[in-house]
Amino acid sequence: MAAASNNPNRVVVVEVPGWIRLYDDGSVDRAWNGPPVAHFLTATVPPNDSPRDGVSVLDLPADPALRLYLPSATNAGDGRRLPLLLHFHGGGFCITHPSWSMYHHFYSRLAPSAGAAVVSVVLPLAPEHRLPAAVDAAYRALLYLRSLAAGTAAEHPVAERLRKAADFSRVFLLGDSSGGNLVHEVAARAGAAEEGFWAPVRVVGGILLHPGFGREERSRSEVENQPTPFMSLELLDKFPAMALPIGATKDHPITWPVGEPAPALEGLRLPPLLVAVAEGDLLRDREVEYCEAMRRAGKEVEVVMSRDVGHCFFLYGDLVGSEPVAASRTGELIEAIKGFVDRH
């Protein structure tokens, strides 16, 4: 799909104001940092090789590209290798980047708090790259970890630091918002591989933070909960329209993986899951339905419910620093993630 066009007669098909316009000729206009109200979240944070606040931030030019959050030795505990959190960012499959300040703020805090290495995947964005492009890239990132662990990946100084630091037998898939959908998809795809395929890598858990599950039919929470500048019914409709395969609806298996035509849950080999839900999230009811369906299918699912907050509140760095309820809930969420990682 073309990223730009000189066609004077093109017509806007879908627009998310301040972010993206998709035209009828397939061309796209994109504002990388979004509208001014979002700039405190979308400012690019450069990598830092020397630890700051207990963590080094490193970029690795793999395929796909990766951003690493590596705790310093003093914060990593007793020197043992670190569990690895393979992170898939959200943004409705259409926006965001691991280098944005909102991700830096949270994941550079999570890594030392949980005593884990966080590896964030730079995902291809729709509508230039419609689904399943993001699923394929997320899966390739897991394949890269297998190559790195086995010593067959291309040599790179940052890759070598990760190889020495990480315990590849304790890999967790981690995703926020639409990245939570990717956790389910990648875990299911990885579980379908032949026995021994992933050695020496073992996926031992999945962590879905406010996953972007939705359907064509409105849920009660979508109707009754209050929208925010970064989560509204408009976004819930427009991002899938630009991200899903042309002609698909939100009942597609990637956005709604627990009913037809999605594969039956009973037949999936999935690791234990931790699902974080926000009480005030428009997506709350679909997330709860997902957890209930998974449990009926015999899957191991833990739920952490955050009261009095909305969708992905933990990513709004400046707000978390000044709003006591969000700050408290963020601390609780990090403790829940740490506890889940420690138990697995």
Protein backbone atom coordinates (compact mmCIF):
# COMPACT_ATOMS: atom_id res chain seq x y z
CA MET A 1 0.00 0.00 0.00
CA ALA A 2 1.36 3.41 -0.99
CA ALA A 3 2.34 5.71 1.82
CA ALA A 4 1.62 8.89 -0.15
CA SER A 5 -0.12 10.01 -3.32
CA ASN A 6 -0.34 13.04 -5.63
CA ASN A 7 -3.85 12.09 -6.74
CA PRO A 8 -5.92 15.29 -6.44
CA ASN A 9 -9.17 13.35 -6.71
CA ARG A 10 -8.58 10.86 -3.92
CA VAL A 11 -11.27 10.58 -1.26
CA VAL A 12 -10.83 9.88 2.44
CA VAL A 13 -12.24 6.44 3.33
CA VAL A 14 -11.33 6.31 7.02
CA GLU A 15 -9.75 8.98 9.20
CA VAL A 16 -8.60 8.98 12.80
CA PRO A 17 -8.21 12.73 13.35
CA GLY A 18 -4.67 13.78 14.11
CA TRP A 19 -3.28 10.32 13.38
CA ILE A 20 -4.10 8.73 10.00
CA ARG A 21 -6.08 9.27 6.81
CA LEU A 22 -6.73 6.31 4.49
CA TYR A 23 -7.82 7.19 0.95
CA ASP A 24 -9.80 5.30 -1.67
CA ASP A 25 -6.68 4.85 -3.83
CA GLY A 26 -4.93 3.01 -0.96
CA SER A 27 -2.63 5.90 -0.07
CA VAL A 28 -2.08 6.96 3.54
CA ASP A 29 -1.29 10.21 5.31
CA ARG A 30 0.18 9.60 8.76
CA ALA A 31 1.16 11.95 11.60
CA TRP A 32 3.93 10.07 13.40
CA ASN A 33 3.53 11.74 16.79
CA GLY A 34 -0.21 12.25 16.56
CA PRO A 35 -2.22 15.29 17.68
CA PRO A 36 -0.70 17.80 20.13
CA VAL A 37 -2.68 16.35 23.05
CA ALA A 38 -0.70 13.11 22.64
CA HIS A 39 2.80 14.54 22.28
CA PHE A 40 3.72 13.94 25.91
CA LEU A 41 3.12 10.25 25.22
CA THR A 42 4.64 10.00 21.76
CA ALA A 43 7.94 11.82 22.15
CA THR A 44 10.77 9.54 21.03
CA VAL A 45 13.16 8.43 23.78
CA PRO A 46 16.65 7.54 22.52
CA PRO A 47 18.43 4.42 23.78
CA ASN A 48 20.86 4.68 26.69
CA ASP A 49 23.71 2.19 26.93
CA SER A 50 24.61 3.15 30.49
CA PRO A 51 21.96 2.30 33.09
CA ARG A 52 19.57 5.03 34.16
CA ASP A 53 17.31 4.30 37.12
CA GLY A 54 18.56 0.72 37.06
CA VAL A 55 17.94 -0.09 33.40
CA SER A 56 19.77 0.16 30.06
CA VAL A 57 17.72 0.76 26.92
CA LEU A 58 19.22 -0.74 23.77
CA ASP A 59 18.10 -1.04 20.15
CA LEU A 60 18.75 -4.24 18.20
CA PRO A 61 18.42 -4.16 14.38
CA ALA A 62 16.98 -7.63 13.99
CA ASP A 63 14.01 -8.63 11.80
CA PRO A 64 11.78 -7.24 13.22
CA ALA A 65 13.73 -4.55 15.07
CA LEU A 66 13.74 -4.80 18.86
CA ARG A 67 14.12 -2.42 21.80
CA LEU A 68 15.60 -3.95 24.98
CA TYR A 69 15.16 -2.91 28.59
CA LEU A 70 17.93 -4.62 30.57
CA PRO A 71 18.15 -4.17 34.35
CA SER A 72 21.61 -3.45 35.71
CA ALA A 73 23.35 -6.18 37.71
CA THR A 74 22.52 -4.52 41.02
CA ASN A 75 18.83 -4.57 40.22
CA ALA A 76 18.73 -8.03 38.66
CA GLY A 77 18.88 -9.82 41.99
CA ASP A 78 21.50 -12.49 42.70
CA GLY A 79 23.09 -12.53 39.25
CA ARG A 80 21.03 -15.37 37.79
CA ARG A 81 19.83 -15.08 34.22
CA LEU A 82 16.71 -12.98 33.84
CA PRO A 83 13.29 -14.15 32.66
CA LEU A 84 12.49 -12.56 29.32
CA LEU A 85 9.31 -10.62 28.56
CA LEU A 86 8.72 -10.43 24.80
CA HIS A 87 6.56 -7.33 24.44
CA PHE A 88 4.07 -6.47 21.68
CA HIS A 89 2.95 -2.83 21.73
CA GLY A 90 -0.62 -1.67 21.32
CA GLY A 91 -2.16 1.09 19.26
CA GLY A 92 -4.97 -0.70 17.46
CA PHE A 93 -2.38 -2.23 15.09
CA CYS A 94 -2.18 1.24 13.48
CA ILE A 95 -0.08 3.53 15.70
CA THR A 96 2.64 3.65 18.39
CA HIS A 97 6.29 2.59 18.61
CA PRO A 98 8.38 1.05 21.41
CA SER A 99 10.57 4.19 21.50
CA TRP A 100 7.65 6.42 22.55
CA SER A 101 7.83 7.95 26.01
CA MET A 102 4.69 6.18 27.24
CA TYR A 103 6.32 2.79 26.67
CA HIS A 104 9.68 3.91 27.97
CA HIS A 105 8.09 5.18 31.18
CA PHE A 106 6.33 1.90 31.98
CA TYR A 107 8.61 -0.81 30.63
CA SER A 108 11.83 0.73 31.90
CA ARG A 109 10.15 0.65 35.30
CA LEU A 110 8.74 -2.86 34.88
CA ALA A 111 12.06 -4.46 33.89
CA PRO A 112 13.96 -3.78 37.14
CA SER A 113 10.83 -4.10 39.29
CA ALA A 114 10.08 -7.57 37.93
CA GLY A 115 13.76 -8.53 37.65
CA ALA A 116 13.26 -9.31 33.97
CA ALA A 117 14.58 -8.36 30.55
CA VAL A 118 11.91 -6.72 28.40
CA VAL A 119 12.29 -7.08 24.63
CA SER A 120 9.83 -4.88 22.73
CA VAL A 121 9.06 -5.64 19.09
CA VAL A 122 8.77 -2.90 16.45
CA LEU A 123 5.61 -4.03 14.69
CA PRO A 124 4.51 -3.18 11.13
CA LEU A 125 1.57 -0.79 11.22
CA ALA A 126 -1.73 -0.82 9.37
CA PRO A 127 -3.20 0.32 7.07
CA GLU A 128 0.10 0.12 5.17
CA HIS A 129 0.52 -3.42 6.56
CA ARG A 130 -2.83 -5.02 7.34
CA LEU A 131 -3.24 -8.00 9.58
CA PRO A 132 -1.91 -10.63 9.89
CA ALA A 133 1.33 -8.65 9.26
CA ALA A 134 1.71 -7.74 12.95
CA VAL A 135 1.07 -11.36 14.00
CA ASP A 136 3.70 -12.60 11.57
CA ALA A 137 6.25 -10.06 12.81
CA ALA A 138 5.57 -10.91 16.46
CA TYR A 139 6.03 -14.59 15.68
CA ARG A 140 9.30 -13.87 13.84
CA ALA A 141 10.54 -12.11 16.96
CA LEU A 142 9.98 -15.32 18.93
CA LEU A 143 11.80 -17.27 16.25
CA TYR A 144 14.67 -14.81 16.55
CA LEU A 145 14.89 -15.50 20.29
CA ARG A 146 15.16 -19.20 19.48
CA SER A 147 18.03 -18.50 17.06
CA LEU A 148 19.72 -16.25 19.59
CA ALA A 149 19.41 -18.81 22.36
CA ALA A 150 20.75 -21.55 20.07
CA GLY A 151 23.71 -19.41 18.99
CA THR A 152 22.70 -19.29 15.33
CA ALA A 153 21.59 -15.63 15.12
CA ALA A 154 23.80 -13.08 13.41
CA GLU A 155 26.38 -11.62 15.78
CA HIS A 156 25.67 -8.19 17.22
CA PRO A 157 26.91 -6.58 20.45
CA VAL A 158 23.40 -5.90 21.74
CA ALA A 159 22.25 -9.40 20.84
CA GLU A 160 25.20 -10.83 22.73
CA ARG A 161 24.28 -8.81 25.82
CA LEU A 162 20.75 -10.17 25.67
CA ARG A 163 21.97 -13.73 25.12
CA LYS A 164 24.17 -13.53 28.21
CA ALA A 165 21.50 -11.89 30.38
CA ALA A 166 18.34 -13.81 29.51
CA ASP A 167 16.98 -17.15 30.66
CA PHE A 168 15.43 -18.40 27.43
CA SER A 169 13.70 -21.23 29.25
CA ARG A 170 11.47 -18.60 30.90
CA VAL A 171 10.00 -16.52 28.07
CA PHE A 172 6.74 -14.66 28.68
CA LEU A 173 4.69 -13.09 25.91
CA LEU A 174 3.51 -9.64 27.00
CA GLY A 175 1.20 -7.22 25.23
CA ASP A 176 -0.87 -4.13 25.95
CA SER A 177 -4.14 -3.33 24.16
CA SER A 178 -3.93 -4.78 20.62
CA GLY A 179 -0.59 -6.25 21.70
CA GLY A 180 -2.63 -8.46 24.02
CA ASN A 181 -4.38 -9.89 20.96
CA LEU A 182 -0.94 -10.71 19.61
CA VAL A 183 -0.06 -12.57 22.80
CA HIS A 184 -3.00 -14.92 22.19
CA GLU A 185 -2.19 -15.34 18.49
CA VAL A 186 1.54 -15.95 18.95
CA ALA A 187 1.00 -18.28 21.90
CA ALA A 188 -1.49 -20.33 19.88
CA ARG A 189 0.82 -20.47 16.86
CA ALA A 190 3.81 -21.39 19.00
CA GLY A 191 1.81 -24.09 20.77
CA ALA A 192 0.96 -25.71 17.45
CA ALA A 193 4.62 -26.41 16.67
CA GLU A 194 6.03 -29.89 16.97
CA GLU A 195 7.41 -31.03 20.31
CA GLY A 196 10.97 -29.79 20.74
CA PHE A 197 10.73 -27.19 17.97
CA TRP A 198 11.32 -24.26 20.33
CA ALA A 199 14.25 -25.67 22.31
CA PRO A 200 16.08 -24.11 24.05
CA VAL A 201 13.30 -21.49 24.27
CA ARG A 202 10.25 -22.21 26.45
CA VAL A 203 7.19 -19.95 26.47
CA VAL A 204 6.01 -20.32 30.06
CA GLY A 205 3.37 -17.59 30.29
CA GLY A 206 1.32 -14.93 28.56
CA ILE A 207 0.50 -11.51 30.00
CA LEU A 208 -2.36 -9.61 28.35
CA LEU A 209 -2.73 -6.01 29.57
CA HIS A 210 -6.16 -4.64 28.61
CA PRO A 211 -6.26 -6.71 25.39
CA GLY A 212 -8.08 -5.19 22.42
CA PHE A 213 -10.84 -7.76 22.10
CA GLY A 214 -14.05 -6.57 20.45
CA ARG A 215 -17.02 -7.57 18.35
CA GLU A 216 -19.37 -5.88 15.91
CA GLU A 217 -22.11 -5.88 18.55
CA ARG A 218 -21.62 -3.26 21.24
CA SER A 219 -20.94 -4.56 24.74
CA ARG A 220 -22.43 -3.00 27.85
CA SER A 221 -19.10 -1.52 28.94
CA GLU A 222 -18.63 0.08 25.51
CA VAL A 223 -21.96 1.82 25.89
CA GLU A 224 -21.81 2.73 29.58
CA ASN A 225 -18.14 3.45 30.36
CA GLN A 226 -16.73 6.88 29.69
CA PRO A 227 -14.45 7.40 26.67
CA THR A 228 -11.05 9.04 26.97
CA PRO A 229 -8.95 10.90 24.37
CA PHE A 230 -7.11 7.61 23.73
CA MET A 231 -10.02 5.14 23.91
CA SER A 232 -13.37 5.91 22.33
CA LEU A 233 -16.03 4.16 20.27
CA GLU A 234 -14.68 6.00 17.23
CA LEU A 235 -11.23 4.45 17.73
CA LEU A 236 -12.76 1.03 18.44
CA ASP A 237 -14.44 1.16 15.03
CA LYS A 238 -11.87 2.95 12.88
CA PHE A 239 -8.65 1.19 13.86
CA PRO A 240 -10.05 -2.30 13.06
CA ALA A 241 -11.42 -0.94 9.77
CA MET A 242 -7.87 0.01 8.79
CA ALA A 243 -6.10 -2.98 10.35
CA LEU A 244 -8.17 -6.06 9.55
CA PRO A 245 -8.14 -7.71 6.12
CA ILE A 246 -10.31 -5.80 3.67
CA GLY A 247 -13.93 -6.84 4.10
CA ALA A 248 -13.44 -8.36 7.57
CA THR A 249 -15.47 -7.31 10.60
CA LYS A 250 -14.50 -7.08 14.27
CA ASP A 251 -15.75 -10.66 14.67
CA HIS A 252 -12.49 -11.68 12.94
CA PRO A 253 -10.45 -14.22 14.99
CA ILE A 254 -7.66 -11.72 15.72
CA THR A 255 -10.04 -9.24 17.33
CA TRP A 256 -12.42 -11.86 18.74
CA PRO A 257 -10.56 -15.17 19.25
CA VAL A 258 -13.12 -17.06 21.34
CA GLY A 259 -15.95 -17.78 18.90
CA GLU A 260 -16.48 -18.91 15.34
CA PRO A 261 -14.68 -18.65 12.99
CA ALA A 262 -11.75 -18.65 15.45
CA PRO A 263 -10.18 -22.04 16.25
CA ALA A 264 -11.78 -23.89 19.15
CA LEU A 265 -10.04 -22.96 22.38
CA GLU A 266 -10.03 -26.55 23.64
CA GLY A 267 -7.62 -27.55 20.90
CA LEU A 268 -5.08 -24.80 21.60
CA ARG A 269 -1.90 -25.44 23.57
CA LEU A 270 -1.46 -22.28 25.59
CA PRO A 271 0.74 -21.36 28.56
CA PRO A 272 -0.76 -19.98 31.79
CA LEU A 273 -2.16 -16.50 31.25
CA LEU A 274 -2.42 -13.33 33.31
CA VAL A 275 -5.08 -10.94 32.02
CA ALA A 276 -5.22 -7.37 33.33
CA VAL A 277 -8.62 -5.66 33.11
CA ALA A 278 -9.52 -2.05 33.97
CA GLU A 279 -12.91 -1.45 35.54
CA GLY A 280 -13.50 1.73 33.54
CA ASP A 281 -12.26 0.37 30.20
CA LEU A 282 -14.66 0.33 27.26
CA LEU A 283 -13.21 -3.12 26.48
CA ARG A 284 -13.80 -4.51 29.98
CA ASP A 285 -16.73 -6.80 29.17
CA ARG A 286 -15.10 -8.45 26.15
CA GLU A 287 -11.94 -9.03 28.18
CA VAL A 288 -13.97 -10.69 30.93
CA GLU A 289 -15.80 -12.81 28.34
CA TYR A 290 -12.43 -13.91 26.95
CA CYS A 291 -11.26 -15.02 30.40
CA GLU A 292 -14.47 -16.89 31.08
CA ALA A 293 -14.30 -18.67 27.72
CA MET A 294 -10.69 -19.62 28.30
CA ARG A 295 -11.51 -21.09 31.70
CA ARG A 296 -14.41 -23.08 30.28
CA ALA A 297 -11.93 -24.50 27.76
CA GLY A 298 -9.70 -25.67 30.61
CA LYS A 299 -7.03 -22.97 30.27
CA GLU A 300 -5.16 -21.52 33.24
CA VAL A 301 -6.12 -17.85 33.53
CA GLU A 302 -5.48 -15.33 36.31
CA VAL A 303 -7.24 -11.96 36.28
CA VAL A 304 -6.13 -8.72 37.91
CA MET A 305 -8.89 -6.08 37.99
CA SER A 306 -7.86 -2.43 38.38
CA ARG A 307 -10.58 -0.29 39.95
CA ASP A 308 -11.45 3.31 39.05
CA VAL A 309 -9.16 3.54 36.00
CA GLY A 310 -9.51 3.17 32.25
CA HIS A 311 -7.79 1.59 29.28
CA CYS A 312 -3.99 1.32 29.55
CA PHE A 313 -3.82 3.93 32.30
CA PHE A 314 -0.34 2.63 33.20
CA LEU A 315 1.12 3.99 29.95
CA TYR A 316 0.21 7.61 30.57
CA GLY A 317 3.50 8.48 32.22
CA ASP A 318 2.89 12.09 33.18
CA LEU A 319 -0.62 11.33 34.40
CA VAL A 320 0.59 8.43 36.53
CA GLY A 321 3.07 10.73 38.22
CA SER A 322 0.42 13.26 39.23
CA GLU A 323 -2.78 11.24 39.71
CA PRO A 324 -2.77 9.22 42.95
CA VAL A 325 -5.31 6.54 41.91
CA ALA A 326 -3.56 5.78 38.61
CA ALA A 327 -0.18 5.77 40.35
CA SER A 328 -1.42 3.33 42.97
CA ARG A 329 -3.03 1.04 40.40
CA THR A 330 0.14 1.08 38.31
CA GLY A 331 2.14 -0.11 41.30
CA GLU A 332 -0.41 -2.85 41.93
CA LEU A 333 -0.28 -3.97 38.31
CA ILE A 334 3.52 -4.16 38.32
CA GLU A 335 3.38 -6.24 41.51
CA ALA A 336 0.85 -8.58 39.88
CA ILE A 337 3.08 -9.03 36.83
CA LYS A 338 6.11 -9.63 39.05
CA GLY A 339 4.19 -12.21 41.07
CA PHE A 340 3.07 -14.03 37.92
CA VAL A 341 6.62 -14.10 36.56
CA ASP A 342 8.00 -15.32 39.90
CA ARG A 343 5.48 -18.18 40.01
CA HIS A 344 6.40 -19.38 36.53
